[in-house]
Amino acid sequence: MVPKKPLSAYLFYTTKNVNLLKEKEGCTHPEAMKKCGELWNKLTPEERKEYEDAHDKDVVRYQGQISELDKNGFFVMADGTKSSEHQSKLKKRSKKDAAAGEKAAKKQKKEDKQ
């Protein structure tokens, strides 16, 4: 398991505001996300500072977890548990997916020869 990458300032902004917009304006999630993007572009640097500070803090968290992982082979997660105590959430490819991948690779190889 590897640490989650840091969120951007924009993602901190949308996480905080998208549900508020949905409730306030009674719009769908995609409409609220579009509105969030428009509002984000209109923010002044002072208004963005809160979210950029949250991003900077998240970058420090990520770098700390990466250094722990390199040094110890595990890192301490936000809930205080070790990463090595958790199962990886990677999905295994099914046989059908693997066969489709092989078929596509063969087809591409055949096209490259021609």
N, C-alpha and C. Protein backbone atom coordinates (compact mmCIF):
# COMPACT_ATOMS: atom_id res chain seq x y z
N MET A 1 0.85 -1.17 0.00
CA MET A 1 0.00 0.00 0.00
C MET A 1 0.90 1.24 0.00
N VAL A 2 0.55 2.20 -0.80
CA VAL A 2 1.31 3.45 -0.87
C VAL A 2 0.44 4.60 -0.39
N PRO A 3 1.05 5.68 0.08
CA PRO A 3 0.27 6.83 0.54
C PRO A 3 -0.55 7.46 -0.58
N LYS A 4 -1.70 8.02 -0.20
CA LYS A 4 -2.51 8.74 -1.19
C LYS A 4 -1.79 10.03 -1.53
N LYS A 5 -1.81 10.37 -2.81
CA LYS A 5 -1.17 11.61 -3.26
C LYS A 5 -1.90 12.81 -2.68
N PRO A 6 -1.20 13.93 -2.54
CA PRO A 6 -1.84 15.11 -1.96
C PRO A 6 -2.91 15.69 -2.88
N LEU A 7 -3.97 16.20 -2.28
CA LEU A 7 -5.04 16.85 -3.04
C LEU A 7 -4.60 18.24 -3.46
N SER A 8 -5.07 18.68 -4.60
CA SER A 8 -4.78 20.03 -5.05
C SER A 8 -5.64 21.03 -4.28
N ALA A 9 -5.26 22.29 -4.33
CA ALA A 9 -6.05 23.34 -3.68
C ALA A 9 -7.47 23.35 -4.24
N TYR A 10 -7.58 23.15 -5.55
CA TYR A 10 -8.90 23.14 -6.19
C TYR A 10 -9.77 22.00 -5.64
N LEU A 11 -9.20 20.84 -5.42
CA LEU A 11 -9.98 19.72 -4.89
C LEU A 11 -10.43 19.99 -3.46
N PHE A 12 -9.58 20.64 -2.66
CA PHE A 12 -10.01 21.04 -1.32
C PHE A 12 -11.20 22.00 -1.42
N TYR A 13 -11.14 22.93 -2.37
CA TYR A 13 -12.22 23.89 -2.57
C TYR A 13 -13.52 23.19 -2.97
N THR A 14 -13.44 22.32 -3.96
CA THR A 14 -14.67 21.66 -4.43
C THR A 14 -15.24 20.73 -3.36
N THR A 15 -14.39 20.05 -2.61
CA THR A 15 -14.87 19.17 -1.55
C THR A 15 -15.68 19.95 -0.53
N LYS A 16 -15.22 21.14 -0.23
CA LYS A 16 -15.91 21.97 0.76
C LYS A 16 -17.19 22.59 0.20
N ASN A 17 -17.20 22.94 -1.08
CA ASN A 17 -18.27 23.77 -1.61
C ASN A 17 -19.29 23.10 -2.52
N VAL A 18 -19.01 21.97 -3.10
CA VAL A 18 -19.92 21.39 -4.09
C VAL A 18 -21.27 21.02 -3.46
N ASN A 19 -21.26 20.41 -2.28
CA ASN A 19 -22.53 20.03 -1.64
C ASN A 19 -23.31 21.26 -1.19
N LEU A 20 -22.60 22.30 -0.76
CA LEU A 20 -23.26 23.54 -0.38
C LEU A 20 -23.97 24.16 -1.59
N LEU A 21 -23.30 24.13 -2.74
CA LEU A 21 -23.91 24.65 -3.96
C LEU A 21 -25.13 23.83 -4.38
N LYS A 22 -25.01 22.51 -4.26
CA LYS A 22 -26.13 21.64 -4.64
C LYS A 22 -27.36 21.96 -3.79
N GLU A 23 -27.15 22.16 -2.49
CA GLU A 23 -28.27 22.46 -1.60
C GLU A 23 -28.82 23.87 -1.85
N LYS A 24 -27.90 24.82 -2.00
CA LYS A 24 -28.30 26.23 -2.14
C LYS A 24 -29.04 26.48 -3.45
N GLU A 25 -28.53 25.92 -4.54
CA GLU A 25 -29.10 26.20 -5.86
C GLU A 25 -29.98 25.08 -6.40
N GLY A 26 -30.03 23.96 -5.69
CA GLY A 26 -30.87 22.85 -6.12
C GLY A 26 -30.46 22.28 -7.47
N CYS A 27 -29.16 22.18 -7.71
CA CYS A 27 -28.67 21.70 -8.99
C CYS A 27 -28.08 20.29 -8.86
N THR A 28 -27.78 19.68 -10.00
CA THR A 28 -27.19 18.35 -10.02
C THR A 28 -25.70 18.46 -9.70
N HIS A 29 -25.10 17.31 -9.44
CA HIS A 29 -23.67 17.29 -9.11
C HIS A 29 -22.81 17.86 -10.25
N PRO A 30 -23.01 17.44 -11.50
CA PRO A 30 -22.20 18.02 -12.58
C PRO A 30 -22.37 19.53 -12.71
N GLU A 31 -23.60 20.01 -12.52
CA GLU A 31 -23.83 21.45 -12.59
C GLU A 31 -23.11 22.18 -11.46
N ALA A 32 -23.14 21.57 -10.26
CA ALA A 32 -22.46 22.17 -9.11
C ALA A 32 -20.95 22.18 -9.32
N MET A 33 -20.40 21.12 -9.92
CA MET A 33 -18.96 21.07 -10.19
C MET A 33 -18.58 22.16 -11.21
N LYS A 34 -19.41 22.33 -12.21
CA LYS A 34 -19.15 23.37 -13.21
C LYS A 34 -19.17 24.75 -12.55
N LYS A 35 -20.15 24.97 -11.71
CA LYS A 35 -20.26 26.25 -11.00
C LYS A 35 -19.05 26.45 -10.07
N CYS A 36 -18.62 25.38 -9.41
CA CYS A 36 -17.43 25.46 -8.55
C CYS A 36 -16.21 25.90 -9.36
N GLY A 37 -16.06 25.35 -10.55
CA GLY A 37 -14.94 25.73 -11.41
C GLY A 37 -14.99 27.20 -11.77
N GLU A 38 -16.18 27.69 -12.08
CA GLU A 38 -16.34 29.10 -12.41
C GLU A 38 -16.01 29.98 -11.21
N LEU A 39 -16.51 29.58 -10.03
CA LEU A 39 -16.24 30.36 -8.82
C LEU A 39 -14.76 30.32 -8.44
N TRP A 40 -14.14 29.15 -8.62
CA TRP A 40 -12.71 29.00 -8.32
C TRP A 40 -11.89 29.97 -9.17
N ASN A 41 -12.22 30.08 -10.43
CA ASN A 41 -11.48 30.97 -11.32
C ASN A 41 -11.64 32.44 -10.94
N LYS A 42 -12.71 32.78 -10.23
CA LYS A 42 -12.96 34.15 -9.84
C LYS A 42 -12.37 34.50 -8.47
N LEU A 43 -11.87 33.50 -7.73
CA LEU A 43 -11.31 33.76 -6.41
C LEU A 43 -10.04 34.59 -6.50
N THR A 44 -9.87 35.47 -5.53
CA THR A 44 -8.63 36.25 -5.44
C THR A 44 -7.56 35.38 -4.79
N PRO A 45 -6.29 35.77 -4.93
CA PRO A 45 -5.23 34.99 -4.27
C PRO A 45 -5.42 34.88 -2.75
N GLU A 46 -5.98 35.92 -2.14
CA GLU A 46 -6.23 35.87 -0.70
C GLU A 46 -7.30 34.84 -0.36
N GLU A 47 -8.33 34.75 -1.21
CA GLU A 47 -9.40 33.77 -0.98
C GLU A 47 -8.92 32.35 -1.24
N ARG A 48 -7.98 32.19 -2.14
CA ARG A 48 -7.44 30.86 -2.44
C ARG A 48 -6.46 30.38 -1.38
N LYS A 49 -5.93 31.29 -0.58
CA LYS A 49 -4.87 30.96 0.37
C LYS A 49 -5.28 29.82 1.31
N GLU A 50 -6.51 29.84 1.79
CA GLU A 50 -7.00 28.78 2.69
C GLU A 50 -6.82 27.39 2.06
N TYR A 51 -7.16 27.29 0.80
CA TYR A 51 -7.10 26.00 0.10
C TYR A 51 -5.67 25.64 -0.29
N GLU A 52 -4.88 26.64 -0.62
CA GLU A 52 -3.47 26.40 -0.94
C GLU A 52 -2.71 25.98 0.31
N ASP A 53 -3.07 26.54 1.47
CA ASP A 53 -2.46 26.11 2.72
C ASP A 53 -2.81 24.66 3.04
N ALA A 54 -4.06 24.29 2.79
CA ALA A 54 -4.49 22.90 3.00
C ALA A 54 -3.72 21.97 2.07
N HIS A 55 -3.50 22.40 0.82
CA HIS A 55 -2.71 21.61 -0.13
C HIS A 55 -1.28 21.46 0.37
N ASP A 56 -0.67 22.57 0.81
CA ASP A 56 0.71 22.52 1.32
C ASP A 56 0.82 21.57 2.50
N LYS A 57 -0.16 21.60 3.39
CA LYS A 57 -0.17 20.69 4.54
C LYS A 57 -0.28 19.24 4.08
N ASP A 58 -1.09 19.01 3.06
CA ASP A 58 -1.26 17.65 2.54
C ASP A 58 0.02 17.16 1.84
N VAL A 59 0.74 18.07 1.20
CA VAL A 59 2.02 17.71 0.57
C VAL A 59 3.01 17.27 1.64
N VAL A 60 3.05 17.99 2.78
CA VAL A 60 3.95 17.63 3.88
C VAL A 60 3.58 16.25 4.42
N ARG A 61 2.26 15.99 4.56
CA ARG A 61 1.80 14.66 5.01
C ARG A 61 2.28 13.58 4.05
N TYR A 62 2.09 13.80 2.77
CA TYR A 62 2.46 12.82 1.75
C TYR A 62 3.97 12.56 1.77
N GLN A 63 4.75 13.63 1.82
CA GLN A 63 6.21 13.46 1.83
C GLN A 63 6.68 12.73 3.08
N GLY A 64 6.04 13.01 4.21
CA GLY A 64 6.37 12.31 5.45
C GLY A 64 6.05 10.82 5.35
N GLN A 65 4.90 10.50 4.78
CA GLN A 65 4.52 9.10 4.64
C GLN A 65 5.44 8.37 3.66
N ILE A 66 5.85 9.07 2.59
CA ILE A 66 6.77 8.45 1.63
C ILE A 66 8.11 8.17 2.29
N SER A 67 8.61 9.12 3.08
CA SER A 67 9.90 8.90 3.74
C SER A 67 9.80 7.78 4.77
N GLU A 68 8.67 7.69 5.50
CA GLU A 68 8.44 6.58 6.43
C GLU A 68 8.43 5.25 5.68
N LEU A 69 7.75 5.23 4.55
CA LEU A 69 7.66 4.01 3.75
C LEU A 69 9.04 3.57 3.29
N ASP A 70 9.86 4.52 2.83
CA ASP A 70 11.21 4.19 2.38
C ASP A 70 12.07 3.70 3.53
N LYS A 71 11.92 4.32 4.70
CA LYS A 71 12.77 3.98 5.85
C LYS A 71 12.32 2.70 6.54
N ASN A 72 11.01 2.54 6.76
CA ASN A 72 10.49 1.45 7.58
C ASN A 72 9.81 0.33 6.80
N GLY A 73 9.43 0.60 5.56
CA GLY A 73 8.67 -0.38 4.81
C GLY A 73 7.17 -0.26 5.03
N PHE A 74 6.75 0.69 5.87
CA PHE A 74 5.35 0.98 6.09
C PHE A 74 5.24 2.44 6.50
N PHE A 75 4.03 2.97 6.51
CA PHE A 75 3.81 4.32 7.00
C PHE A 75 2.59 4.33 7.89
N VAL A 76 2.51 5.32 8.77
CA VAL A 76 1.38 5.45 9.68
C VAL A 76 0.31 6.25 8.96
N MET A 77 -0.89 5.66 8.91
CA MET A 77 -2.01 6.30 8.21
C MET A 77 -2.69 7.32 9.11
N ALA A 78 -3.61 8.09 8.55
CA ALA A 78 -4.30 9.14 9.29
C ALA A 78 -5.03 8.61 10.53
N ASP A 79 -5.51 7.36 10.46
CA ASP A 79 -6.23 6.78 11.60
C ASP A 79 -5.30 6.16 12.64
N GLY A 80 -3.97 6.28 12.42
CA GLY A 80 -2.99 5.79 13.39
C GLY A 80 -2.55 4.35 13.17
N THR A 81 -3.12 3.66 12.19
CA THR A 81 -2.73 2.28 11.92
C THR A 81 -1.58 2.25 10.93
N LYS A 82 -0.89 1.12 10.90
CA LYS A 82 0.20 0.95 9.95
C LYS A 82 -0.36 0.53 8.60
N SER A 83 0.28 1.01 7.55
CA SER A 83 -0.18 0.67 6.20
C SER A 83 -0.07 -0.83 5.94
N SER A 84 0.89 -1.48 6.59
CA SER A 84 1.09 -2.91 6.37
C SER A 84 -0.04 -3.75 6.96
N GLU A 85 -0.88 -3.15 7.79
CA GLU A 85 -2.01 -3.86 8.39
C GLU A 85 -3.25 -3.85 7.49
N HIS A 86 -3.16 -3.16 6.36
CA HIS A 86 -4.31 -3.03 5.45
C HIS A 86 -4.09 -3.83 4.19
N GLN A 87 -5.19 -4.30 3.62
CA GLN A 87 -5.15 -5.01 2.35
C GLN A 87 -5.06 -3.99 1.22
N SER A 88 -4.32 -4.32 0.21
CA SER A 88 -4.27 -3.46 -0.96
C SER A 88 -5.62 -3.50 -1.66
N LYS A 89 -6.05 -2.36 -2.18
CA LYS A 89 -7.36 -2.30 -2.83
C LYS A 89 -7.25 -2.43 -4.34
N LEU A 90 -6.13 -2.95 -4.82
CA LEU A 90 -5.98 -3.15 -6.26
C LEU A 90 -6.89 -4.28 -6.70
N LYS A 91 -7.56 -4.07 -7.79
CA LYS A 91 -8.45 -5.10 -8.31
C LYS A 91 -7.65 -6.05 -9.18
N LYS A 92 -7.91 -7.31 -9.01
CA LYS A 92 -7.26 -8.29 -9.87
C LYS A 92 -8.02 -8.35 -11.19
N ARG A 93 -7.26 -8.48 -12.25
CA ARG A 93 -7.89 -8.59 -13.56
C ARG A 93 -8.55 -9.95 -13.70
N SER A 94 -9.72 -9.95 -14.23
CA SER A 94 -10.40 -11.22 -14.47
C SER A 94 -9.79 -11.88 -15.69
N LYS A 95 -10.06 -13.16 -15.86
CA LYS A 95 -9.54 -13.88 -17.02
C LYS A 95 -10.07 -13.27 -18.31
N LYS A 96 -11.32 -12.82 -18.28
CA LYS A 96 -11.92 -12.20 -19.46
C LYS A 96 -11.18 -10.92 -19.83
N ASP A 97 -10.86 -10.09 -18.83
CA ASP A 97 -10.11 -8.85 -19.09
C ASP A 97 -8.71 -9.16 -19.62
N ALA A 98 -8.08 -10.17 -19.04
CA ALA A 98 -6.74 -10.54 -19.48
C ALA A 98 -6.76 -11.02 -20.93
N ALA A 99 -7.77 -11.82 -21.26
CA ALA A 99 -7.89 -12.33 -22.64
C ALA A 99 -8.13 -11.19 -23.61
N ALA A 100 -8.95 -10.23 -23.22
CA ALA A 100 -9.23 -9.08 -24.08
C ALA A 100 -7.96 -8.26 -24.29
N GLY A 101 -7.16 -8.12 -23.23
CA GLY A 101 -5.89 -7.39 -23.33
C GLY A 101 -4.92 -8.08 -24.27
N GLU A 102 -4.84 -9.39 -24.17
CA GLU A 102 -3.95 -10.16 -25.04
C GLU A 102 -4.42 -10.07 -26.49
N LYS A 103 -5.71 -10.15 -26.71
CA LYS A 103 -6.27 -10.06 -28.06
C LYS A 103 -5.95 -8.70 -28.67
N ALA A 104 -6.10 -7.63 -27.89
CA ALA A 104 -5.80 -6.28 -28.39
C ALA A 104 -4.32 -6.14 -28.71
N ALA A 105 -3.47 -6.74 -27.89
CA ALA A 105 -2.02 -6.67 -28.12
C ALA A 105 -1.66 -7.41 -29.40
N LYS A 106 -2.26 -8.58 -29.63
CA LYS A 106 -1.99 -9.34 -30.85
C LYS A 106 -2.45 -8.57 -32.08
N LYS A 107 -3.63 -7.95 -31.97
CA LYS A 107 -4.16 -7.17 -33.08
C LYS A 107 -3.24 -6.00 -33.40
N GLN A 108 -2.75 -5.32 -32.38
CA GLN A 108 -1.86 -4.19 -32.58
C GLN A 108 -0.54 -4.65 -33.22
N LYS A 109 -0.04 -5.78 -32.78
CA LYS A 109 1.20 -6.33 -33.31
C LYS A 109 1.02 -6.67 -34.79
N LYS A 110 -0.13 -7.24 -35.11
CA LYS A 110 -0.45 -7.61 -36.49
C LYS A 110 -0.52 -6.36 -37.36
N GLU A 111 -1.16 -5.29 -36.86
CA GLU A 111 -1.27 -4.04 -37.61
C GLU A 111 0.10 -3.39 -37.81
N ASP A 112 0.95 -3.50 -36.81
CA ASP A 112 2.29 -2.91 -36.90
C ASP A 112 3.13 -3.59 -37.99
N LYS A 113 2.91 -4.89 -38.20
CA LYS A 113 3.67 -5.64 -39.22
C LYS A 113 3.28 -5.21 -40.63
N GLN A 114 2.01 -4.79 -40.78
CA GLN A 114 1.50 -4.45 -42.11
C GLN A 114 1.93 -3.09 -42.47
